[in-house]
Amino acid sequence: MTSVVILDYGSGNLRSAERAVARTGVDVTVTSDLQAAAAADGLFVPGVGAYAACMAGIEELGAGPVIAERVAAGKPVLGVCVGMQILFDSGVEHGVETKGLGLLPGVVSKLDAARIPHMGWNTVDIPDESLVLKGLPAEVRFYFVHSYAASDLEGLRQAGGKVTTASHDRPFAAAVELGSLTATQFHPEKSADAGYALLRNWVAGL
């Protein structure tokens, strides 16, 4: 059976992620075991809260090289919310820049919007070449809860990324697909049928 590990590094809504992924019919394990994370068919990297705190958890566990090695080897990784953000070069919160994993180009910074956080359902604009959002209708809605995001859309595209966008006063990266790496700013596990469709597509690619 296809195996997915949800990485437990002290951050993330692990049980709701576990239930959502298990619904696709795969074998799901929530663990901090890096050998299991390296060996699984798919690795799900969650994340909630502050960028610096999530990176500290990743570093304390020693998970960064495992995630990077999976991506380099073409083995699927899915980062969600702050689990997406830490894949970028760095993140800036309250004027402090924290180094990320450097697997996606750019800096995660505060949303340039009148109302923060960006919370609730929002439509997304899906590129034609997207694999994880294939088959979903135009202007499909996903559930977001965040105050920071990656906004250098052109940099991501120049790196070869398939970029799904959303807008909260200004556009930002709602999802990125680059090689074996998939990342979503929204929460698939909280996004009802649309989130299930994304997870099903991701699992189908494992």
C-alpha atoms as a PDB file:
ATOM      1  CA  MET A   1       0.000   0.000   0.000  1.00  0.00           C
ATOM      2  CA  THR A   2       1.131   3.550  -0.712  1.00  0.00           C
ATOM      3  CA  SER A   3       2.632   5.124   2.432  1.00  0.00           C
ATOM      4  CA  VAL A   4       2.505   8.737   3.584  1.00  0.00           C
ATOM      5  CA  VAL A   5       4.324  10.141   6.610  1.00  0.00           C
ATOM      6  CA  ILE A   6       3.047  13.286   8.279  1.00  0.00           C
ATOM      7  CA  LEU A   7       6.134  14.826   9.860  1.00  0.00           C
ATOM      8  CA  ASP A   8       5.735  15.556  13.557  1.00  0.00           C
ATOM      9  CA  TYR A   9       8.248  18.242  14.470  1.00  0.00           C
ATOM     10  CA  GLY A  10       6.114  19.950  17.103  1.00  0.00           C
ATOM     11  CA  SER A  11       3.967  22.097  14.803  1.00  0.00           C
ATOM     12  CA  GLY A  12       0.793  21.535  12.869  1.00  0.00           C
ATOM     13  CA  ASN A  13      -2.745  20.247  13.097  1.00  0.00           C
ATOM     14  CA  LEU A  14      -1.535  16.680  12.807  1.00  0.00           C
ATOM     15  CA  ARG A  15      -4.728  14.735  13.462  1.00  0.00           C
ATOM     16  CA  SER A  16      -6.903  16.611  10.991  1.00  0.00           C
ATOM     17  CA  ALA A  17      -4.137  16.201   8.389  1.00  0.00           C
ATOM     18  CA  GLU A  18      -3.929  12.497   9.210  1.00  0.00           C
ATOM     19  CA  ARG A  19      -7.685  12.008   8.794  1.00  0.00           C
ATOM     20  CA  ALA A  20      -7.750  13.964   5.512  1.00  0.00           C
ATOM     21  CA  VAL A  21      -4.868  12.020   3.960  1.00  0.00           C
ATOM     22  CA  ALA A  22      -6.180   8.661   5.223  1.00  0.00           C
ATOM     23  CA  ARG A  23      -9.463   9.367   3.433  1.00  0.00           C
ATOM     24  CA  THR A  24      -7.590   8.948   0.132  1.00  0.00           C
ATOM     25  CA  GLY A  25      -6.954   5.289   0.972  1.00  0.00           C
ATOM     26  CA  VAL A  26      -3.223   5.357   1.746  1.00  0.00           C
ATOM     27  CA  ASP A  27      -1.354   4.123   4.814  1.00  0.00           C
ATOM     28  CA  VAL A  28      -0.692   7.216   6.977  1.00  0.00           C
ATOM     29  CA  THR A  29       1.793   7.520   9.846  1.00  0.00           C
ATOM     30  CA  VAL A  30       2.307  10.577  12.054  1.00  0.00           C
ATOM     31  CA  THR A  31       5.893  10.418  13.276  1.00  0.00           C
ATOM     32  CA  SER A  32       9.122  12.272  14.001  1.00  0.00           C
ATOM     33  CA  ASP A  33      11.123   9.250  12.791  1.00  0.00           C
ATOM     34  CA  LEU A  34      13.391  10.590  10.045  1.00  0.00           C
ATOM     35  CA  GLN A  35      14.059   7.151   8.584  1.00  0.00           C
ATOM     36  CA  ALA A  36      10.324   6.698   8.092  1.00  0.00           C
ATOM     37  CA  ALA A  37      10.097  10.204   6.609  1.00  0.00           C
ATOM     38  CA  ALA A  38      12.869   9.390   4.150  1.00  0.00           C
ATOM     39  CA  ALA A  39      11.419   6.019   3.135  1.00  0.00           C
ATOM     40  CA  ALA A  40       7.729   6.924   2.722  1.00  0.00           C
ATOM     41  CA  ASP A  41       6.189   7.256  -0.731  1.00  0.00           C
ATOM     42  CA  GLY A  42       4.976  10.742   0.235  1.00  0.00           C
ATOM     43  CA  LEU A  43       6.019  13.186   2.986  1.00  0.00           C
ATOM     44  CA  PHE A  44       3.497  15.716   4.333  1.00  0.00           C
ATOM     45  CA  VAL A  45       5.102  18.696   6.134  1.00  0.00           C
ATOM     46  CA  PRO A  46       2.508  20.621   8.183  1.00  0.00           C
ATOM     47  CA  GLY A  47       3.007  23.899  10.019  1.00  0.00           C
ATOM     48  CA  VAL A  48       1.114  26.461  12.048  1.00  0.00           C
ATOM     49  CA  GLY A  49       2.191  29.552  13.950  1.00  0.00           C
ATOM     50  CA  ALA A  50       5.422  31.480  13.566  1.00  0.00           C
ATOM     51  CA  TYR A  51       7.978  30.854  10.804  1.00  0.00           C
ATOM     52  CA  ALA A  52      10.940  31.010  13.194  1.00  0.00           C
ATOM     53  CA  ALA A  53       9.334  28.545  15.618  1.00  0.00           C
ATOM     54  CA  CYS A  54       8.604  26.072  12.826  1.00  0.00           C
ATOM     55  CA  MET A  55      12.153  26.330  11.501  1.00  0.00           C
ATOM     56  CA  ALA A  56      13.478  25.796  15.033  1.00  0.00           C
ATOM     57  CA  GLY A  57      11.410  22.607  15.276  1.00  0.00           C
ATOM     58  CA  ILE A  58      12.690  21.384  11.898  1.00  0.00           C
ATOM     59  CA  GLU A  59      16.282  22.106  12.907  1.00  0.00           C
ATOM     60  CA  GLU A  60      15.951  20.508  16.340  1.00  0.00           C
ATOM     61  CA  LEU A  61      14.653  17.331  14.727  1.00  0.00           C
ATOM     62  CA  GLY A  62      17.274  17.503  11.974  1.00  0.00           C
ATOM     63  CA  ALA A  63      14.580  17.162   9.323  1.00  0.00           C
ATOM     64  CA  GLY A  64      15.865  19.761   6.849  1.00  0.00           C
ATOM     65  CA  PRO A  65      18.359  17.475   5.071  1.00  0.00           C
ATOM     66  CA  VAL A  66      15.766  14.683   4.835  1.00  0.00           C
ATOM     67  CA  ILE A  67      13.270  17.004   3.134  1.00  0.00           C
ATOM     68  CA  ALA A  68      15.958  18.388   0.810  1.00  0.00           C
ATOM     69  CA  GLU A  69      17.251  14.914  -0.078  1.00  0.00           C
ATOM     70  CA  ARG A  70      13.739  13.732  -0.923  1.00  0.00           C
ATOM     71  CA  VAL A  71      13.220  16.678  -3.259  1.00  0.00           C
ATOM     72  CA  ALA A  72      16.638  16.171  -4.886  1.00  0.00           C
ATOM     73  CA  ALA A  73      15.797  12.493  -5.446  1.00  0.00           C
ATOM     74  CA  GLY A  74      12.410  13.298  -6.963  1.00  0.00           C
ATOM     75  CA  LYS A  75      10.465  11.847  -4.016  1.00  0.00           C
ATOM     76  CA  PRO A  76       7.170  13.687  -3.322  1.00  0.00           C
ATOM     77  CA  VAL A  77       6.899  16.251  -0.531  1.00  0.00           C
ATOM     78  CA  LEU A  78       3.786  18.284   0.318  1.00  0.00           C
ATOM     79  CA  GLY A  79       4.211  21.378   2.527  1.00  0.00           C
ATOM     80  CA  VAL A  80       1.097  23.048   3.954  1.00  0.00           C
ATOM     81  CA  CYS A  81       0.624  26.562   5.421  1.00  0.00           C
ATOM     82  CA  VAL A  82       3.798  27.380   7.396  1.00  0.00           C
ATOM     83  CA  GLY A  83       5.007  23.987   6.173  1.00  0.00           C
ATOM     84  CA  MET A  84       4.943  25.639   2.744  1.00  0.00           C
ATOM     85  CA  GLN A  85       6.560  28.869   3.933  1.00  0.00           C
ATOM     86  CA  ILE A  86       9.635  27.224   5.458  1.00  0.00           C
ATOM     87  CA  LEU A  87      10.434  25.699   2.048  1.00  0.00           C
ATOM     88  CA  PHE A  88      11.389  29.185   0.801  1.00  0.00           C
ATOM     89  CA  ASP A  89      14.770  30.882   1.156  1.00  0.00           C
ATOM     90  CA  SER A  90      13.698  32.839   4.224  1.00  0.00           C
ATOM     91  CA  GLY A  91      10.839  34.390   6.147  1.00  0.00           C
ATOM     92  CA  VAL A  92      10.556  37.845   7.695  1.00  0.00           C
ATOM     93  CA  GLU A  93       8.395  38.330  10.791  1.00  0.00           C
ATOM     94  CA  HIS A  94       8.395  41.459  12.963  1.00  0.00           C
ATOM     95  CA  GLY A  95      11.495  42.700  11.148  1.00  0.00           C
ATOM     96  CA  VAL A  96      13.482  39.535  11.853  1.00  0.00           C
ATOM     97  CA  GLU A  97      14.597  37.354   8.947  1.00  0.00           C
ATOM     98  CA  THR A  98      14.848  33.594   9.514  1.00  0.00           C
ATOM     99  CA  LYS A  99      16.602  31.301   7.061  1.00  0.00           C
ATOM    100  CA  GLY A 100      14.360  28.672   5.481  1.00  0.00           C
ATOM    101  CA  LEU A 101      15.112  25.418   3.697  1.00  0.00           C
ATOM    102  CA  GLY A 102      15.854  27.144   0.375  1.00  0.00           C
ATOM    103  CA  LEU A 103      13.917  24.664  -1.777  1.00  0.00           C
ATOM    104  CA  LEU A 104      11.730  27.403  -3.257  1.00  0.00           C
ATOM    105  CA  PRO A 105      13.080  30.820  -4.294  1.00  0.00           C
ATOM    106  CA  GLY A 106      11.964  33.953  -2.516  1.00  0.00           C
ATOM    107  CA  VAL A 107      11.106  35.464   0.839  1.00  0.00           C
ATOM    108  CA  VAL A 108       7.916  34.980   2.841  1.00  0.00           C
ATOM    109  CA  SER A 109       6.730  38.316   4.244  1.00  0.00           C
ATOM    110  CA  LYS A 110       3.664  39.961   5.744  1.00  0.00           C
ATOM    111  CA  LEU A 111       0.671  40.276   3.461  1.00  0.00           C
ATOM    112  CA  ASP A 112       0.252  43.797   2.118  1.00  0.00           C
ATOM    113  CA  ALA A 113      -3.431  43.994   2.989  1.00  0.00           C
ATOM    114  CA  ALA A 114      -5.819  46.143   4.982  1.00  0.00           C
ATOM    115  CA  ARG A 115      -7.143  43.185   6.962  1.00  0.00           C
ATOM    116  CA  ILE A 116      -4.785  40.714   8.624  1.00  0.00           C
ATOM    117  CA  PRO A 117      -4.911  37.770   9.023  1.00  0.00           C
ATOM    118  CA  HIS A 118      -6.335  36.484   5.774  1.00  0.00           C
ATOM    119  CA  MET A 119      -8.838  34.009   7.194  1.00  0.00           C
ATOM    120  CA  GLY A 120     -11.588  32.045   5.493  1.00  0.00           C
ATOM    121  CA  TRP A 121     -12.516  30.791   2.043  1.00  0.00           C
ATOM    122  CA  ASN A 122     -10.984  32.348  -1.045  1.00  0.00           C
ATOM    123  CA  THR A 123     -10.904  31.553  -4.736  1.00  0.00           C
ATOM    124  CA  VAL A 124      -7.690  30.562  -6.506  1.00  0.00           C
ATOM    125  CA  ASP A 125      -6.446  30.915 -10.065  1.00  0.00           C
ATOM    126  CA  ILE A 126      -5.039  27.570 -11.248  1.00  0.00           C
ATOM    127  CA  PRO A 127      -2.457  27.298 -14.057  1.00  0.00           C
ATOM    128  CA  ASP A 128      -3.396  24.925 -16.871  1.00  0.00           C
ATOM    129  CA  GLU A 129      -0.376  22.720 -16.207  1.00  0.00           C
ATOM    130  CA  SER A 130      -1.165  22.065 -12.513  1.00  0.00           C
ATOM    131  CA  LEU A 131      -1.196  18.387 -11.562  1.00  0.00           C
ATOM    132  CA  VAL A 132      -2.498  18.519  -7.991  1.00  0.00           C
ATOM    133  CA  LEU A 133      -5.376  20.838  -8.929  1.00  0.00           C
ATOM    134  CA  LYS A 134      -6.189  19.067 -12.175  1.00  0.00           C
ATOM    135  CA  GLY A 135      -9.905  18.631 -12.759  1.00  0.00           C
ATOM    136  CA  LEU A 136     -10.976  21.297 -10.282  1.00  0.00           C
ATOM    137  CA  PRO A 137     -13.293  24.042 -11.557  1.00  0.00           C
ATOM    138  CA  ALA A 138     -12.098  27.576 -12.246  1.00  0.00           C
ATOM    139  CA  GLU A 139     -12.329  29.862  -9.213  1.00  0.00           C
ATOM    140  CA  VAL A 140     -12.483  26.915  -6.807  1.00  0.00           C
ATOM    141  CA  ARG A 141     -12.340  27.976  -3.149  1.00  0.00           C
ATOM    142  CA  PHE A 142      -9.909  26.853  -0.455  1.00  0.00           C
ATOM    143  CA  TYR A 143      -9.604  27.666   3.251  1.00  0.00           C
ATOM    144  CA  PHE A 144      -6.812  30.037   4.330  1.00  0.00           C
ATOM    145  CA  VAL A 145      -5.528  31.202   7.739  1.00  0.00           C
ATOM    146  CA  HIS A 146      -2.327  33.250   7.468  1.00  0.00           C
ATOM    147  CA  SER A 147      -0.741  36.683   7.797  1.00  0.00           C
ATOM    148  CA  TYR A 148       2.386  35.978   5.729  1.00  0.00           C
ATOM    149  CA  ALA A 149       2.897  34.665   2.207  1.00  0.00           C
ATOM    150  CA  ALA A 150       5.257  34.436  -0.753  1.00  0.00           C
ATOM    151  CA  SER A 151       4.530  37.197  -3.258  1.00  0.00           C
ATOM    152  CA  ASP A 152       7.361  36.925  -5.813  1.00  0.00           C
ATOM    153  CA  LEU A 153       5.242  35.035  -8.311  1.00  0.00           C
ATOM    154  CA  GLU A 154       7.525  35.768 -11.254  1.00  0.00           C
ATOM    155  CA  GLY A 155      10.565  34.410  -9.429  1.00  0.00           C
ATOM    156  CA  LEU A 156       8.746  31.147  -8.778  1.00  0.00           C
ATOM    157  CA  ARG A 157       7.689  30.883 -12.414  1.00  0.00           C
ATOM    158  CA  GLN A 158      11.204  31.604 -13.646  1.00  0.00           C
ATOM    159  CA  ALA A 159      12.419  28.739 -11.458  1.00  0.00           C
ATOM    160  CA  GLY A 160       9.996  26.454 -13.283  1.00  0.00           C
ATOM    161  CA  GLY A 161       7.235  26.458 -10.695  1.00  0.00           C
ATOM    162  CA  LYS A 162       3.582  25.960 -11.531  1.00  0.00           C
ATOM    163  CA  VAL A 163       2.052  28.753  -9.436  1.00  0.00           C
ATOM    164  CA  THR A 164      -1.558  28.872  -8.279  1.00  0.00           C
ATOM    165  CA  THR A 165      -2.450  32.358  -7.059  1.00  0.00           C
ATOM    166  CA  ALA A 166      -4.982  33.949  -4.749  1.00  0.00           C
ATOM    167  CA  SER A 167      -5.538  37.592  -3.818  1.00  0.00           C
ATOM    168  CA  HIS A 168      -6.016  39.331  -0.500  1.00  0.00           C
ATOM    169  CA  ASP A 169      -5.795  42.944  -1.651  1.00  0.00           C
ATOM    170  CA  ARG A 170      -2.748  41.788  -3.643  1.00  0.00           C
ATOM    171  CA  PRO A 171      -1.844  38.456  -5.276  1.00  0.00           C
ATOM    172  CA  PHE A 172       0.272  35.849  -3.514  1.00  0.00           C
ATOM    173  CA  ALA A 173       1.279  32.222  -4.054  1.00  0.00           C
ATOM    174  CA  ALA A 174      -1.581  29.974  -2.945  1.00  0.00           C
ATOM    175  CA  ALA A 175       0.189  26.843  -4.192  1.00  0.00           C
ATOM    176  CA  VAL A 176       3.418  25.922  -5.943  1.00  0.00           C
ATOM    177  CA  GLU A 177       4.437  22.749  -7.777  1.00  0.00           C
ATOM    178  CA  LEU A 178       8.141  22.408  -8.573  1.00  0.00           C
ATOM    179  CA  GLY A 179       9.465  18.969  -9.480  1.00  0.00           C
ATOM    180  CA  SER A 180       8.493  16.537  -6.723  1.00  0.00           C
ATOM    181  CA  LEU A 181       7.731  19.411  -4.339  1.00  0.00           C
ATOM    182  CA  THR A 182       4.159  20.601  -3.822  1.00  0.00           C
ATOM    183  CA  ALA A 183       3.256  23.381  -1.397  1.00  0.00           C
ATOM    184  CA  THR A 184      -0.036  25.028  -0.461  1.00  0.00           C
ATOM    185  CA  GLN A 185      -0.633  28.152   1.581  1.00  0.00           C
ATOM    186  CA  PHE A 186      -4.239  27.077   2.133  1.00  0.00           C
ATOM    187  CA  HIS A 187      -5.216  24.066   4.246  1.00  0.00           C
ATOM    188  CA  PRO A 188      -6.347  21.119   2.111  1.00  0.00           C
ATOM    189  CA  GLU A 189      -7.446  19.292   5.262  1.00  0.00           C
ATOM    190  CA  LYS A 190      -9.877  22.137   6.050  1.00  0.00           C
ATOM    191  CA  SER A 191     -11.034  22.729   2.477  1.00  0.00           C
ATOM    192  CA  ALA A 192     -13.823  20.134   2.179  1.00  0.00           C
ATOM    193  CA  ASP A 193     -14.247  18.531  -1.259  1.00  0.00           C
ATOM    194  CA  ALA A 194     -11.693  20.783  -2.968  1.00  0.00           C
ATOM    195  CA  GLY A 195      -9.039  19.858  -0.421  1.00  0.00           C
ATOM    196  CA  TYR A 196      -9.873  16.170  -0.753  1.00  0.00           C
ATOM    197  CA  ALA A 197      -9.542  16.435  -4.538  1.00  0.00           C
ATOM    198  CA  LEU A 198      -6.083  17.998  -4.172  1.00  0.00           C
ATOM    199  CA  LEU A 199      -4.929  15.312  -1.732  1.00  0.00           C
ATOM    200  CA  ARG A 200      -6.340  12.596  -3.979  1.00  0.00           C
ATOM    201  CA  ASN A 201      -4.428  14.019  -6.946  1.00  0.00           C
ATOM    202  CA  TRP A 202      -1.230  14.260  -4.903  1.00  0.00           C
ATOM    203  CA  VAL A 203      -1.582  10.677  -3.675  1.00  0.00           C
ATOM    204  CA  ALA A 204      -2.270   9.487  -7.239  1.00  0.00           C
ATOM    205  CA  GLY A 205       1.149  10.868  -8.185  1.00  0.00           C
ATOM    206  CA  LEU A 206       2.999   8.906  -5.509  1.00  0.00           C
END
